[in-house]
Protein backbone atom coordinates (compact mmCIF):
# COMPACT_ATOMS: atom_id res chain seq x y z
CA MET A 1 -5.08 -17.72 -0.96
CA PRO A 2 -7.48 -14.78 -1.39
CA VAL A 3 -8.73 -15.41 2.19
CA LEU A 4 -5.15 -15.28 3.56
CA THR A 5 -4.56 -12.06 1.60
CA LEU A 6 -7.78 -10.52 2.95
CA LEU A 7 -7.13 -11.51 6.53
CA THR A 8 -3.52 -10.35 6.46
CA SER A 9 -4.57 -7.05 4.92
CA ILE A 10 -7.25 -6.47 7.54
CA TYR A 11 -4.68 -7.26 10.30
CA ILE A 12 -2.15 -4.82 8.80
CA CYS A 13 -4.83 -2.12 8.57
CA ILE A 14 -5.88 -2.57 12.18
CA VAL A 15 -2.28 -2.49 13.46
CA ASP A 16 -1.44 0.53 11.31
CA VAL A 17 -4.48 2.48 12.48
CA ARG A 18 -3.79 1.69 16.15
CA SER A 19 0.02 2.09 16.26
CA HIS A 20 0.91 3.91 12.99
CA ARG A 21 3.43 1.09 12.33
CA ILE A 22 3.46 -1.82 9.92
CA PRO A 23 5.65 -4.58 11.37
CA ASN A 24 7.94 -6.32 8.90
CA TRP A 25 6.86 -9.77 10.01
CA SER A 26 3.22 -8.96 9.05
CA LEU A 27 4.33 -8.42 5.43
CA LEU A 28 5.59 -12.00 5.11
CA PRO A 29 2.19 -13.74 5.06
CA LEU A 30 0.99 -11.07 2.65
CA ALA A 31 3.92 -11.72 0.38
CA LEU A 32 3.41 -15.47 0.49
CA SER A 33 -0.29 -15.15 -0.39
CA LEU A 34 0.40 -12.72 -3.24
CA VAL A 35 3.37 -14.60 -4.78
CA VAL A 36 0.94 -17.37 -5.81
CA ASP A 37 -0.85 -15.06 -8.26
CA SER A 38 1.99 -12.70 -9.10
CA SER A 39 1.57 -10.19 -11.93
CA ALA A 40 4.63 -7.92 -11.96
CA PRO A 41 5.00 -5.26 -14.62
CA SER A 42 8.02 -4.98 -16.89
CA PHE A 43 11.41 -4.46 -15.23
CA LYS A 44 11.70 -0.89 -16.59
CA VAL A 45 8.23 0.16 -15.28
CA LEU A 46 8.86 -1.56 -11.97
CA THR A 47 12.30 0.06 -11.46
CA LEU A 48 10.96 3.52 -12.37
CA THR A 49 7.90 3.16 -10.10
CA LEU A 50 9.87 1.85 -7.15
CA THR A 51 12.50 4.62 -7.52
CA LEU A 52 9.76 7.28 -7.62
CA LEU A 53 7.93 5.68 -4.67
CA TRP A 54 11.03 5.53 -2.45
CA SER A 55 12.11 9.10 -3.49
CA VAL A 56 8.73 10.58 -2.63
CA GLY A 57 8.63 8.59 0.61
CA LEU A 58 12.01 9.88 1.74
CA LEU A 59 11.49 13.48 0.64
CA PHE A 60 8.02 13.86 2.23
CA GLY A 61 8.59 11.72 5.31
CA VAL A 62 6.06 8.98 4.46
CA GLY A 63 6.24 6.13 6.94
CA MET A 64 8.67 3.36 5.82
CA GLY A 65 6.07 0.73 6.68
CA ASP A 66 3.79 2.24 4.05
CA ILE A 67 6.68 2.40 1.53
CA LYS A 68 7.60 -1.25 2.22
CA LEU A 69 3.97 -2.34 1.87
CA LEU A 70 3.56 -0.44 -1.43
CA SER A 71 6.91 -1.85 -2.69
CA LEU A 72 5.71 -5.40 -1.89
CA LEU A 73 2.44 -4.81 -3.64
CA LEU A 74 4.21 -3.35 -6.71
CA LEU A 75 6.66 -6.22 -6.89
CA LEU A 76 4.01 -8.89 -6.70
CA GLN A 77 0.85 -7.28 -8.14
CA GLY A 78 2.22 -4.30 -9.99
CA SER A 79 0.41 -4.85 -13.21
CA GLN A 80 -2.93 -4.59 -11.40
CA ILE A 81 -1.93 -1.74 -9.13
CA LEU A 82 -0.54 0.41 -11.94
CA ASP A 83 -3.79 -0.01 -13.89
CA PHE A 84 -5.48 3.36 -14.39
CA ARG A 85 -8.87 2.15 -13.03
CA TYR A 86 -7.22 0.91 -9.83
CA LEU A 87 -5.34 4.18 -9.31
CA LEU A 88 -8.53 6.19 -9.96
CA ASN A 89 -10.47 4.10 -7.40
CA ALA A 90 -7.61 4.42 -4.86
CA CYS A 91 -7.65 8.24 -5.29
CA LEU A 92 -11.43 8.31 -4.88
CA VAL A 93 -11.28 6.26 -1.65
CA ALA A 94 -8.42 8.41 -0.32
CA SER A 95 -10.34 11.65 -1.10
CA VAL A 96 -13.50 10.40 0.61
CA THR A 97 -11.47 9.26 3.70
CA ILE A 98 -9.65 12.61 3.88
CA PHE A 99 -12.90 14.45 3.53
CA PHE A 100 -14.54 12.60 6.41
CA LYS A 101 -11.43 12.91 8.55
CA LEU A 102 -11.42 16.72 8.04
CA LEU A 103 -15.20 16.84 8.63
CA MET A 104 -14.77 15.12 11.99
CA GLY A 105 -12.18 17.75 12.93
CA SER A 106 -9.23 15.40 13.39
CA GLY A 107 -6.98 17.08 10.86
CA LEU A 108 -4.61 15.29 8.53
CA ARG A 109 -2.05 14.13 11.10
CA GLY A 110 -2.22 10.56 12.33
């Protein structure tokens, strides 16, 4: 299943970069591959995190495809995603990506 997860993730990234959309049907194979090795956090942590995620998404106009993808990942792999080391690495990768995007002069808009 890790191969299916990797291939589906690569496909979602390519489609998102090209069209700035994540189709709902592309999340289904990802969900199926992740449900096999599910590690959801406690109900209280999951509810609080999903509420915060959807609130921030709606307030700041984050794409709903991104919100649905993060919700799926939180539901099925939340214990790993909410781990401090994972969040720290995600922030590091995002910072480097933003730096290079600004360095190339493309700005922060898609």
